[in-house]
C-alpha cells in the first residue's frame, strides 16, 4: 500500500490591494503563525487552527489605510485556495463535518460538505456592528472568499449570543472543528471517494 501524500499547501496571492501568503498543513497540531495586520482576524484564525488541528501560517499586507475589507477577503480567498490544494483528490475523507460550539451565552453551528461546489449560507446576526475597530460584516466576506476557492458548501448559524465577540469566536471555533471532522480519513472507505457520483 502506498504512503498517503502529505496534505500541505503553500499559496501566494498578489493584487494591487494586498499581498497574502498562506502555508497550511491539514494534519498538523493546531499551531499558528499569523500576521495579517488585522489583530482580530489573527485571533479568529488562531481559533480555526487550534480547534481544527491545522498548522497554519498567514502573512498579509494590505491597504489597511483604506479599511480591512480587502485584507480580510483576500486572506479568506488564499486560505480557500490552499485548503483545496492540500485536500487533493479527497479520497477516503469523511466529507461532512457538523459541529455546535458554545462560548458562554453564544452558540454557533457550522456544517460543511467538501462537495466541490461553492455555497455559503450565512445566518449570523451580530448584536453590534463592530468588535473594537473590526467591522463584523467582514466575517461573512472572509467565509465567502474561502468557500468560493475551496469549493465547499458551508452553513453557518449563530443560534444565540448577546456579545459580538463571543458570537464571532464561537463561529470560527466551530468552523475549525467542522473542517477537522470533514477532512478526517475514514478507513472503511478504503480510499474511495464518499460520493455516488464518483467525483467531488
N, C-alpha and C. Protein backbone atom coordinates (compact mmCIF):
# COMPACT_ATOMS: atom_id res chain seq x y z
N UNK A 1 0.85 -1.20 0.00
CA UNK A 1 0.00 0.00 0.00
C UNK A 1 0.89 1.25 0.00
N UNK A 2 0.63 2.18 -0.89
CA UNK A 2 1.47 3.36 -1.00
C UNK A 2 1.18 4.32 0.15
N UNK A 3 2.19 5.10 0.51
CA UNK A 3 2.05 6.07 1.58
C UNK A 3 1.13 7.19 1.14
N UNK A 4 0.31 7.64 2.08
CA UNK A 4 -0.56 8.78 1.79
C UNK A 4 0.28 10.04 1.67
N UNK A 5 -0.01 10.85 0.67
CA UNK A 5 0.76 12.07 0.45
C UNK A 5 0.49 13.08 1.57
N UNK A 6 1.48 13.92 1.82
CA UNK A 6 1.33 14.98 2.81
C UNK A 6 0.25 15.96 2.34
N UNK A 7 -0.65 16.29 3.22
CA UNK A 7 -1.74 17.20 2.87
C UNK A 7 -1.35 18.63 3.27
N UNK A 8 -0.48 19.19 2.46
CA UNK A 8 0.05 20.52 2.72
C UNK A 8 -0.04 21.37 1.45
N UNK A 9 -0.05 22.66 1.65
CA UNK A 9 -0.04 23.57 0.51
C UNK A 9 0.52 24.92 0.94
N UNK A 10 1.14 25.61 -0.03
CA UNK A 10 1.57 26.99 0.14
C UNK A 10 1.04 27.78 -1.05
N UNK A 11 0.39 28.88 -0.76
CA UNK A 11 -0.22 29.69 -1.82
C UNK A 11 0.09 31.16 -1.56
N UNK A 12 0.42 31.86 -2.61
CA UNK A 12 0.61 33.32 -2.53
C UNK A 12 -0.36 34.00 -3.48
N UNK A 13 -0.91 35.11 -3.01
CA UNK A 13 -1.83 35.90 -3.83
C UNK A 13 -1.37 37.36 -3.77
N UNK A 14 -1.19 37.95 -4.94
CA UNK A 14 -0.77 39.35 -5.01
C UNK A 14 -1.75 40.11 -5.89
N UNK A 15 -2.25 41.20 -5.36
CA UNK A 15 -3.08 42.10 -6.15
C UNK A 15 -2.56 43.53 -5.91
N UNK A 16 -3.19 44.50 -6.53
CA UNK A 16 -2.81 45.88 -6.30
C UNK A 16 -3.20 46.34 -4.89
N UNK A 17 -4.04 45.54 -4.22
CA UNK A 17 -4.53 45.91 -2.89
C UNK A 17 -3.89 45.13 -1.76
N UNK A 18 -3.49 43.88 -2.04
CA UNK A 18 -2.98 43.03 -0.96
C UNK A 18 -1.88 42.10 -1.47
N UNK A 19 -1.09 41.62 -0.51
CA UNK A 19 -0.17 40.51 -0.72
C UNK A 19 -0.40 39.53 0.42
N UNK A 20 -0.75 38.29 0.07
CA UNK A 20 -1.09 37.29 1.08
C UNK A 20 -0.32 36.01 0.81
N UNK A 21 0.24 35.45 1.86
CA UNK A 21 0.89 34.14 1.78
C UNK A 21 0.29 33.23 2.83
N UNK A 22 -0.12 32.03 2.42
CA UNK A 22 -0.69 31.04 3.34
C UNK A 22 0.07 29.73 3.19
N UNK A 23 0.48 29.17 4.31
CA UNK A 23 1.02 27.81 4.36
C UNK A 23 0.10 27.01 5.28
N UNK A 24 -0.32 25.84 4.81
CA UNK A 24 -1.34 25.05 5.51
C UNK A 24 -0.95 23.59 5.54
N UNK A 25 -1.08 22.97 6.70
CA UNK A 25 -0.90 21.53 6.87
C UNK A 25 -2.16 20.99 7.53
N UNK A 26 -2.93 20.20 6.79
CA UNK A 26 -4.19 19.68 7.31
C UNK A 26 -4.00 18.66 8.42
N UNK A 27 -2.82 18.08 8.51
CA UNK A 27 -2.56 17.05 9.52
C UNK A 27 -1.57 17.57 10.56
N UNK A 28 -1.85 18.78 11.02
CA UNK A 28 -0.95 19.44 11.95
C UNK A 28 -1.33 19.21 13.40
N UNK A 29 -0.87 20.15 14.25
CA UNK A 29 -1.10 20.06 15.68
C UNK A 29 -1.81 21.29 16.22
N UNK A 30 -2.31 22.11 15.32
CA UNK A 30 -3.02 23.31 15.76
C UNK A 30 -2.12 24.50 16.01
N UNK A 31 -0.96 24.51 15.37
CA UNK A 31 -0.01 25.61 15.57
C UNK A 31 -0.23 26.68 14.51
N UNK A 32 -0.18 27.94 14.96
CA UNK A 32 -0.46 29.05 14.05
C UNK A 32 0.59 30.13 14.17
N UNK A 33 0.98 30.68 13.03
CA UNK A 33 1.85 31.86 12.96
C UNK A 33 1.12 32.85 12.06
N UNK A 34 0.67 33.93 12.66
CA UNK A 34 -0.27 34.81 11.98
C UNK A 34 0.16 36.25 12.07
N UNK A 35 0.13 36.93 10.94
CA UNK A 35 0.44 38.36 10.89
C UNK A 35 -0.27 38.96 9.69
N UNK A 36 -1.53 39.32 9.89
CA UNK A 36 -2.33 39.87 8.79
C UNK A 36 -2.42 41.38 8.84
N UNK A 37 -2.00 41.98 9.94
CA UNK A 37 -2.20 43.41 10.12
C UNK A 37 -3.56 43.74 10.70
N UNK A 38 -4.40 42.70 10.88
CA UNK A 38 -5.74 42.87 11.46
C UNK A 38 -5.79 41.97 12.70
N UNK A 39 -5.54 42.53 13.88
CA UNK A 39 -5.41 41.69 15.08
C UNK A 39 -6.61 40.79 15.36
N UNK A 40 -7.82 41.29 15.15
CA UNK A 40 -8.98 40.44 15.41
C UNK A 40 -9.03 39.26 14.45
N UNK A 41 -8.66 39.47 13.20
CA UNK A 41 -8.60 38.36 12.24
C UNK A 41 -7.56 37.34 12.68
N UNK A 42 -6.41 37.80 13.14
CA UNK A 42 -5.39 36.88 13.65
C UNK A 42 -5.97 36.03 14.78
N UNK A 43 -6.69 36.66 15.68
CA UNK A 43 -7.31 35.95 16.81
C UNK A 43 -8.28 34.88 16.32
N UNK A 44 -9.08 35.21 15.31
CA UNK A 44 -10.05 34.24 14.79
C UNK A 44 -9.35 33.10 14.04
N UNK A 45 -8.33 33.42 13.26
CA UNK A 45 -7.59 32.37 12.55
C UNK A 45 -6.89 31.43 13.52
N UNK A 46 -6.45 31.96 14.65
CA UNK A 46 -5.85 31.12 15.67
C UNK A 46 -6.85 30.11 16.19
N UNK A 47 -8.11 30.52 16.33
CA UNK A 47 -9.16 29.59 16.75
C UNK A 47 -9.35 28.47 15.73
N UNK A 48 -9.35 28.84 14.45
CA UNK A 48 -9.52 27.84 13.39
C UNK A 48 -8.40 26.81 13.44
N UNK A 49 -7.16 27.29 13.56
CA UNK A 49 -6.00 26.39 13.59
C UNK A 49 -6.05 25.48 14.80
N UNK A 50 -6.27 26.05 15.97
CA UNK A 50 -6.21 25.26 17.20
C UNK A 50 -7.33 24.23 17.26
N UNK A 51 -8.52 24.63 16.91
CA UNK A 51 -9.65 23.72 17.02
C UNK A 51 -9.77 22.78 15.82
N UNK A 52 -9.17 23.17 14.70
CA UNK A 52 -9.14 22.29 13.54
C UNK A 52 -7.93 21.38 13.48
N UNK A 53 -6.99 21.57 14.44
CA UNK A 53 -5.71 20.86 14.43
C UNK A 53 -5.01 21.04 13.08
N UNK A 54 -5.04 22.27 12.60
CA UNK A 54 -4.37 22.63 11.37
C UNK A 54 -3.14 23.45 11.72
N UNK A 55 -2.02 23.19 11.08
CA UNK A 55 -0.88 24.09 11.18
C UNK A 55 -1.06 25.15 10.10
N UNK A 56 -1.05 26.39 10.53
CA UNK A 56 -1.43 27.48 9.64
C UNK A 56 -0.49 28.67 9.80
N UNK A 57 0.05 29.11 8.69
CA UNK A 57 0.83 30.34 8.67
C UNK A 57 0.19 31.29 7.68
N UNK A 58 -0.10 32.50 8.12
CA UNK A 58 -0.68 33.51 7.25
C UNK A 58 0.09 34.81 7.43
N UNK A 59 0.60 35.34 6.33
CA UNK A 59 1.24 36.66 6.30
C UNK A 59 0.50 37.49 5.28
N UNK A 60 0.08 38.67 5.68
CA UNK A 60 -0.68 39.53 4.76
C UNK A 60 -0.28 40.98 4.93
N UNK A 61 -0.24 41.68 3.81
CA UNK A 61 -0.05 43.12 3.79
C UNK A 61 -1.12 43.68 2.87
N UNK A 62 -1.89 44.62 3.38
CA UNK A 62 -2.98 45.16 2.57
C UNK A 62 -3.14 46.64 2.75
N UNK A 63 -4.14 47.17 2.06
CA UNK A 63 -4.39 48.61 2.08
C UNK A 63 -5.24 48.98 3.30
N UNK A 64 -4.67 48.75 4.48
CA UNK A 64 -5.41 48.98 5.72
C UNK A 64 -5.69 50.45 5.97
N UNK A 65 -4.97 51.33 5.28
CA UNK A 65 -5.28 52.76 5.39
C UNK A 65 -6.66 53.06 4.82
N UNK A 66 -7.13 52.21 3.89
CA UNK A 66 -8.49 52.34 3.36
C UNK A 66 -9.45 51.73 4.37
N UNK A 67 -9.37 50.41 4.53
CA UNK A 67 -10.02 49.67 5.61
C UNK A 67 -9.54 48.23 5.52
N UNK A 68 -10.11 47.36 6.33
CA UNK A 68 -9.62 45.98 6.40
C UNK A 68 -10.31 45.05 5.40
N UNK A 69 -11.23 45.56 4.62
CA UNK A 69 -12.05 44.70 3.76
C UNK A 69 -11.21 43.85 2.81
N UNK A 70 -10.34 44.48 2.04
CA UNK A 70 -9.57 43.73 1.04
C UNK A 70 -8.67 42.69 1.70
N UNK A 71 -8.07 43.05 2.82
CA UNK A 71 -7.17 42.11 3.50
C UNK A 71 -7.93 40.90 4.01
N UNK A 72 -9.04 41.12 4.69
CA UNK A 72 -9.82 40.01 5.26
C UNK A 72 -10.35 39.11 4.14
N UNK A 73 -10.91 39.71 3.11
CA UNK A 73 -11.45 38.93 1.99
C UNK A 73 -10.36 38.13 1.30
N UNK A 74 -9.21 38.76 1.06
CA UNK A 74 -8.14 38.08 0.33
C UNK A 74 -7.47 36.99 1.17
N UNK A 75 -7.45 37.15 2.48
CA UNK A 75 -6.98 36.06 3.34
C UNK A 75 -7.94 34.87 3.21
N UNK A 76 -9.23 35.12 3.22
CA UNK A 76 -10.20 34.04 3.02
C UNK A 76 -10.02 33.35 1.67
N UNK A 77 -9.81 34.13 0.63
CA UNK A 77 -9.61 33.58 -0.72
C UNK A 77 -8.36 32.70 -0.76
N UNK A 78 -7.27 33.22 -0.21
CA UNK A 78 -5.99 32.49 -0.28
C UNK A 78 -6.03 31.25 0.59
N UNK A 79 -6.66 31.34 1.75
CA UNK A 79 -6.81 30.14 2.59
C UNK A 79 -7.67 29.10 1.88
N UNK A 80 -8.71 29.52 1.19
CA UNK A 80 -9.52 28.58 0.43
C UNK A 80 -8.74 27.89 -0.66
N UNK A 81 -7.89 28.63 -1.36
CA UNK A 81 -7.05 28.04 -2.40
C UNK A 81 -6.09 27.01 -1.80
N UNK A 82 -5.49 27.35 -0.66
CA UNK A 82 -4.56 26.43 -0.01
C UNK A 82 -5.29 25.18 0.48
N UNK A 83 -6.47 25.37 1.02
CA UNK A 83 -7.26 24.24 1.52
C UNK A 83 -7.59 23.27 0.39
N UNK A 84 -8.05 23.80 -0.73
CA UNK A 84 -8.41 22.94 -1.85
C UNK A 84 -7.19 22.19 -2.38
N UNK A 85 -6.05 22.88 -2.46
CA UNK A 85 -4.83 22.24 -2.95
C UNK A 85 -4.37 21.15 -1.98
N UNK A 86 -4.42 21.43 -0.68
CA UNK A 86 -3.97 20.47 0.32
C UNK A 86 -4.85 19.23 0.36
N UNK A 87 -6.14 19.39 0.12
CA UNK A 87 -7.06 18.25 0.14
C UNK A 87 -6.74 17.22 -0.94
N UNK A 88 -6.30 17.69 -2.09
CA UNK A 88 -6.01 16.77 -3.18
C UNK A 88 -7.28 16.15 -3.73
N UNK A 89 -7.25 14.84 -3.95
CA UNK A 89 -8.37 14.16 -4.61
C UNK A 89 -9.50 13.79 -3.67
N UNK A 90 -9.35 14.01 -2.37
CA UNK A 90 -10.39 13.79 -1.36
C UNK A 90 -10.73 12.32 -1.14
N UNK A 91 -9.87 11.44 -1.60
CA UNK A 91 -10.14 10.00 -1.44
C UNK A 91 -10.12 9.63 0.03
N UNK A 92 -11.14 8.89 0.45
CA UNK A 92 -11.19 8.35 1.80
C UNK A 92 -11.62 9.32 2.88
N UNK A 93 -12.01 10.53 2.51
CA UNK A 93 -12.40 11.52 3.51
C UNK A 93 -13.82 11.29 4.01
N UNK A 94 -14.08 11.73 5.22
CA UNK A 94 -15.44 11.67 5.74
C UNK A 94 -16.36 12.61 4.96
N UNK A 95 -15.84 13.70 4.47
CA UNK A 95 -16.52 14.66 3.61
C UNK A 95 -17.39 15.66 4.39
N UNK A 96 -18.16 15.21 5.36
CA UNK A 96 -19.08 16.08 6.08
C UNK A 96 -18.54 16.38 7.49
N UNK A 97 -18.78 17.60 7.93
CA UNK A 97 -18.50 17.98 9.30
C UNK A 97 -19.65 18.78 9.85
N UNK A 98 -20.02 18.52 11.10
CA UNK A 98 -21.21 19.13 11.70
C UNK A 98 -20.91 19.35 13.18
N UNK A 99 -20.84 20.62 13.60
CA UNK A 99 -20.38 20.92 14.95
C UNK A 99 -21.20 22.06 15.54
N UNK A 100 -21.53 21.91 16.83
CA UNK A 100 -22.04 23.01 17.65
C UNK A 100 -20.94 23.43 18.61
N UNK A 101 -20.73 24.73 18.77
CA UNK A 101 -19.74 25.22 19.72
C UNK A 101 -20.36 26.36 20.54
N UNK A 102 -20.38 26.20 21.87
CA UNK A 102 -20.81 27.31 22.72
C UNK A 102 -19.62 28.14 23.17
N UNK A 103 -19.86 29.40 23.43
CA UNK A 103 -18.91 30.26 24.13
C UNK A 103 -19.73 31.16 25.04
N UNK A 104 -19.75 30.77 26.31
CA UNK A 104 -20.60 31.45 27.29
C UNK A 104 -22.05 31.47 26.77
N UNK A 105 -22.61 32.65 26.56
CA UNK A 105 -24.02 32.72 26.15
C UNK A 105 -24.22 32.49 24.65
N UNK A 106 -23.14 32.48 23.88
CA UNK A 106 -23.24 32.34 22.42
C UNK A 106 -23.18 30.87 22.02
N UNK A 107 -23.88 30.54 20.95
CA UNK A 107 -23.88 29.17 20.43
C UNK A 107 -23.88 29.23 18.90
N UNK A 108 -22.89 28.57 18.29
CA UNK A 108 -22.78 28.55 16.83
C UNK A 108 -22.87 27.12 16.32
N UNK A 109 -23.43 26.99 15.14
CA UNK A 109 -23.47 25.71 14.44
C UNK A 109 -22.85 25.90 13.06
N UNK A 110 -21.91 25.04 12.71
CA UNK A 110 -21.29 25.07 11.38
C UNK A 110 -21.37 23.67 10.79
N UNK A 111 -21.85 23.61 9.56
CA UNK A 111 -21.96 22.35 8.82
C UNK A 111 -21.23 22.53 7.50
N UNK A 112 -20.33 21.60 7.19
CA UNK A 112 -19.53 21.71 5.97
C UNK A 112 -19.63 20.43 5.17
N UNK A 113 -19.66 20.58 3.86
CA UNK A 113 -19.64 19.47 2.91
C UNK A 113 -18.53 19.77 1.90
N UNK A 114 -17.57 18.88 1.82
CA UNK A 114 -16.48 19.05 0.85
C UNK A 114 -16.97 18.61 -0.52
N UNK A 115 -17.94 19.33 -1.01
CA UNK A 115 -18.78 18.92 -2.13
C UNK A 115 -18.17 19.18 -3.49
N UNK A 116 -17.18 20.08 -3.56
CA UNK A 116 -16.70 20.52 -4.87
C UNK A 116 -17.56 21.62 -5.46
N UNK A 117 -18.57 22.06 -4.70
CA UNK A 117 -19.47 23.12 -5.15
C UNK A 117 -19.45 24.25 -4.12
N UNK A 118 -19.10 25.47 -4.52
CA UNK A 118 -19.08 26.56 -3.56
C UNK A 118 -20.49 27.02 -3.20
N UNK A 119 -20.76 27.10 -1.90
CA UNK A 119 -22.04 27.59 -1.45
C UNK A 119 -21.95 28.01 0.01
N UNK A 120 -22.45 29.20 0.31
CA UNK A 120 -22.42 29.70 1.68
C UNK A 120 -23.82 30.11 2.09
N UNK A 121 -24.28 29.56 3.20
CA UNK A 121 -25.50 30.03 3.86
C UNK A 121 -25.05 30.65 5.17
N UNK A 122 -25.31 31.93 5.36
CA UNK A 122 -24.78 32.70 6.48
C UNK A 122 -25.94 33.31 7.25
N UNK A 123 -26.19 32.78 8.42
CA UNK A 123 -27.25 33.30 9.29
C UNK A 123 -26.62 33.66 10.64
N UNK A 124 -25.95 34.80 10.66
CA UNK A 124 -25.19 35.21 11.85
C UNK A 124 -25.58 36.65 12.19
N UNK A 125 -26.59 36.82 13.03
CA UNK A 125 -26.96 38.17 13.46
C UNK A 125 -26.03 38.63 14.59
N UNK A 126 -25.30 39.68 14.35
CA UNK A 126 -24.43 40.23 15.38
C UNK A 126 -25.18 41.29 16.18
N UNK A 127 -24.96 41.34 17.49
CA UNK A 127 -25.67 42.33 18.30
C UNK A 127 -25.14 43.75 18.15
N UNK A 128 -23.97 43.91 17.54
CA UNK A 128 -23.48 45.24 17.23
C UNK A 128 -22.61 45.18 15.98
N UNK A 129 -22.30 46.34 15.42
CA UNK A 129 -21.66 46.41 14.11
C UNK A 129 -20.15 46.27 14.15
N UNK A 130 -19.54 46.51 15.31
CA UNK A 130 -18.08 46.48 15.39
C UNK A 130 -17.65 45.75 16.66
N UNK A 131 -16.50 45.08 16.52
CA UNK A 131 -15.82 44.50 17.68
C UNK A 131 -14.49 45.24 17.76
N UNK A 132 -14.39 46.16 18.70
CA UNK A 132 -13.27 47.09 18.67
C UNK A 132 -13.36 47.91 17.40
N UNK A 133 -12.30 47.86 16.56
CA UNK A 133 -12.37 48.57 15.28
C UNK A 133 -12.61 47.61 14.11
N UNK A 134 -13.03 46.39 14.41
CA UNK A 134 -13.27 45.39 13.37
C UNK A 134 -14.74 45.39 12.98
N UNK A 135 -15.01 45.57 11.70
CA UNK A 135 -16.37 45.56 11.16
C UNK A 135 -16.85 44.12 11.05
N UNK A 136 -17.93 43.78 11.76
CA UNK A 136 -18.38 42.38 11.79
C UNK A 136 -18.84 41.88 10.42
N UNK A 137 -19.20 42.77 9.50
CA UNK A 137 -19.58 42.35 8.14
C UNK A 137 -18.43 41.61 7.45
N UNK A 138 -17.20 41.87 7.88
CA UNK A 138 -16.05 41.24 7.24
C UNK A 138 -15.95 39.75 7.55
N UNK A 139 -16.61 39.30 8.60
CA UNK A 139 -16.63 37.85 8.87
C UNK A 139 -17.25 37.11 7.69
N UNK A 140 -18.38 37.61 7.21
CA UNK A 140 -19.02 36.97 6.06
C UNK A 140 -18.14 37.04 4.83
N UNK A 141 -17.46 38.16 4.63
CA UNK A 141 -16.59 38.30 3.46
C UNK A 141 -15.45 37.27 3.51
N UNK A 142 -14.91 37.04 4.69
CA UNK A 142 -13.87 36.02 4.84
C UNK A 142 -14.40 34.65 4.43
N UNK A 143 -15.55 34.27 4.95
CA UNK A 143 -16.09 32.94 4.65
C UNK A 143 -16.52 32.81 3.20
N UNK A 144 -17.04 33.89 2.61
CA UNK A 144 -17.40 33.83 1.19
C UNK A 144 -16.17 33.62 0.33
N UNK A 145 -15.10 34.33 0.65
CA UNK A 145 -13.85 34.13 -0.09
C UNK A 145 -13.34 32.72 0.04
N UNK A 146 -13.38 32.17 1.26
CA UNK A 146 -12.93 30.80 1.48
C UNK A 146 -13.76 29.81 0.69
N UNK A 147 -15.06 29.91 0.80
CA UNK A 147 -15.97 28.96 0.15
C UNK A 147 -15.79 28.99 -1.37
N UNK A 148 -15.67 30.17 -1.95
CA UNK A 148 -15.55 30.28 -3.40
C UNK A 148 -14.32 29.54 -3.93
N UNK A 149 -13.23 29.60 -3.19
CA UNK A 149 -11.98 29.00 -3.66
C UNK A 149 -11.81 27.55 -3.20
N UNK A 150 -12.30 27.23 -2.01
CA UNK A 150 -12.18 25.86 -1.51
C UNK A 150 -13.19 24.93 -2.16
N UNK A 151 -14.23 25.51 -2.76
CA UNK A 151 -15.31 24.73 -3.39
C UNK A 151 -15.94 23.79 -2.38
N UNK A 152 -16.42 24.38 -1.29
CA UNK A 152 -17.14 23.63 -0.27
C UNK A 152 -18.50 24.28 -0.06
N UNK A 153 -19.42 23.50 0.48
CA UNK A 153 -20.71 24.02 0.90
C UNK A 153 -20.63 24.24 2.41
N UNK A 154 -20.99 25.44 2.85
CA UNK A 154 -20.83 25.80 4.25
C UNK A 154 -22.09 26.49 4.76
N UNK A 155 -22.63 25.95 5.84
CA UNK A 155 -23.77 26.57 6.52
C UNK A 155 -23.29 27.06 7.88
N UNK A 156 -23.46 28.35 8.13
CA UNK A 156 -23.01 28.95 9.38
C UNK A 156 -24.20 29.63 10.05
N UNK A 157 -24.50 29.19 11.27
CA UNK A 157 -25.63 29.74 12.01
C UNK A 157 -25.17 30.12 13.41
N UNK A 158 -25.40 31.37 13.79
CA UNK A 158 -25.25 31.77 15.19
C UNK A 158 -26.64 31.65 15.82
N UNK A 159 -26.81 30.67 16.66
CA UNK A 159 -28.14 30.35 17.19
C UNK A 159 -28.55 31.30 18.31
N UNK A 160 -27.54 31.82 19.03
CA UNK A 160 -27.82 32.82 20.06
C UNK A 160 -26.52 33.51 20.45
N UNK A 161 -26.65 34.63 21.10
CA UNK A 161 -25.48 35.34 21.59
C UNK A 161 -25.75 36.82 21.75
N UNK A 162 -25.33 37.36 22.89
CA UNK A 162 -25.51 38.79 23.18
C UNK A 162 -24.22 39.57 23.01
N UNK A 163 -23.10 38.88 23.08
CA UNK A 163 -21.79 39.52 22.98
C UNK A 163 -21.21 39.25 21.60
N UNK A 164 -20.92 40.30 20.84
CA UNK A 164 -20.50 40.13 19.44
C UNK A 164 -19.18 39.36 19.34
N UNK A 165 -18.27 39.60 20.27
CA UNK A 165 -17.01 38.86 20.25
C UNK A 165 -17.26 37.37 20.46
N UNK A 166 -18.12 37.04 21.40
CA UNK A 166 -18.46 35.64 21.65
C UNK A 166 -19.11 34.99 20.43
N UNK A 167 -19.99 35.74 19.76
CA UNK A 167 -20.65 35.21 18.56
C UNK A 167 -19.60 34.88 17.50
N UNK A 168 -18.72 35.82 17.20
CA UNK A 168 -17.70 35.59 16.17
C UNK A 168 -16.78 34.45 16.55
N UNK A 169 -16.33 34.43 17.79
CA UNK A 169 -15.37 33.40 18.20
C UNK A 169 -16.00 32.01 18.18
N UNK A 170 -17.25 31.90 18.59
CA UNK A 170 -17.90 30.59 18.54
C UNK A 170 -18.05 30.12 17.10
N UNK A 171 -18.29 31.04 16.16
CA UNK A 171 -18.38 30.68 14.74
C UNK A 171 -17.05 30.17 14.21
N UNK A 172 -15.97 30.88 14.49
CA UNK A 172 -14.67 30.46 13.96
C UNK A 172 -14.19 29.17 14.62
N UNK A 173 -14.45 28.99 15.90
CA UNK A 173 -14.11 27.73 16.55
C UNK A 173 -14.88 26.57 15.92
N UNK A 174 -16.17 26.78 15.71
CA UNK A 174 -17.00 25.74 15.11
C UNK A 174 -16.54 25.42 13.69
N UNK A 175 -16.14 26.45 12.96
CA UNK A 175 -15.62 26.24 11.60
C UNK A 175 -14.39 25.34 11.63
N UNK A 176 -13.45 25.63 12.52
CA UNK A 176 -12.25 24.80 12.64
C UNK A 176 -12.59 23.36 12.97
N UNK A 177 -13.49 23.16 13.91
CA UNK A 177 -13.82 21.80 14.33
C UNK A 177 -14.61 21.05 13.25
N UNK A 178 -15.46 21.77 12.50
CA UNK A 178 -16.20 21.13 11.41
C UNK A 178 -15.25 20.70 10.30
N UNK A 179 -14.26 21.54 9.98
CA UNK A 179 -13.25 21.16 8.99
C UNK A 179 -12.49 19.92 9.46
N UNK A 180 -12.10 19.93 10.72
CA UNK A 180 -11.36 18.79 11.29
C UNK A 180 -12.12 17.49 11.11
N UNK A 181 -13.43 17.55 11.33
CA UNK A 181 -14.27 16.36 11.18
C UNK A 181 -14.38 15.94 9.71
N UNK A 182 -14.58 16.92 8.82
CA UNK A 182 -14.81 16.61 7.40
C UNK A 182 -13.57 16.06 6.72
N UNK A 183 -12.38 16.55 7.11
CA UNK A 183 -11.15 16.12 6.42
C UNK A 183 -10.56 14.84 7.01
N UNK A 184 -11.16 14.35 8.09
CA UNK A 184 -10.65 13.12 8.69
C UNK A 184 -10.82 11.95 7.73
N UNK A 185 -9.89 11.02 7.78
CA UNK A 185 -9.94 9.84 6.91
C UNK A 185 -10.79 8.76 7.55
N UNK A 186 -11.64 8.16 6.75
CA UNK A 186 -12.49 7.05 7.21
C UNK A 186 -11.91 5.75 6.64
N UNK A 187 -11.29 4.92 7.48
CA UNK A 187 -10.64 3.71 6.96
C UNK A 187 -11.60 2.75 6.28
N UNK A 188 -12.89 2.84 6.60
CA UNK A 188 -13.86 1.93 5.97
C UNK A 188 -14.07 2.25 4.49
N UNK A 189 -13.72 3.45 4.09
CA UNK A 189 -13.86 3.81 2.68
C UNK A 189 -12.78 3.18 1.80
N UNK A 190 -11.69 2.78 2.43
CA UNK A 190 -10.62 2.14 1.66
C UNK A 190 -10.06 3.00 0.55
N UNK A 191 -10.05 4.30 0.75
CA UNK A 191 -9.51 5.20 -0.27
C UNK A 191 -10.50 5.60 -1.33
N UNK A 192 -11.76 5.17 -1.20
CA UNK A 192 -12.78 5.54 -2.18
C UNK A 192 -13.29 6.95 -1.91
N UNK A 193 -13.86 7.57 -2.92
CA UNK A 193 -14.48 8.87 -2.74
C UNK A 193 -15.85 8.71 -2.10
N UNK A 194 -16.18 9.54 -1.11
CA UNK A 194 -17.51 9.45 -0.48
C UNK A 194 -18.58 10.15 -1.31
N UNK A 195 -18.84 9.61 -2.49
CA UNK A 195 -19.79 10.21 -3.40
C UNK A 195 -20.33 9.15 -4.35
N UNK A 196 -21.64 9.15 -4.59
CA UNK A 196 -22.22 8.23 -5.57
C UNK A 196 -21.89 8.66 -7.00
N UNK A 197 -21.47 9.92 -7.17
CA UNK A 197 -21.11 10.40 -8.49
C UNK A 197 -19.72 9.92 -8.93
N UNK A 198 -18.90 9.54 -7.93
CA UNK A 198 -17.54 9.15 -8.24
C UNK A 198 -16.59 10.32 -8.39
N UNK A 199 -17.07 11.52 -8.03
CA UNK A 199 -16.21 12.70 -8.09
C UNK A 199 -16.69 13.72 -7.07
N UNK A 200 -15.76 14.53 -6.58
CA UNK A 200 -16.10 15.63 -5.68
C UNK A 200 -15.35 16.87 -6.15
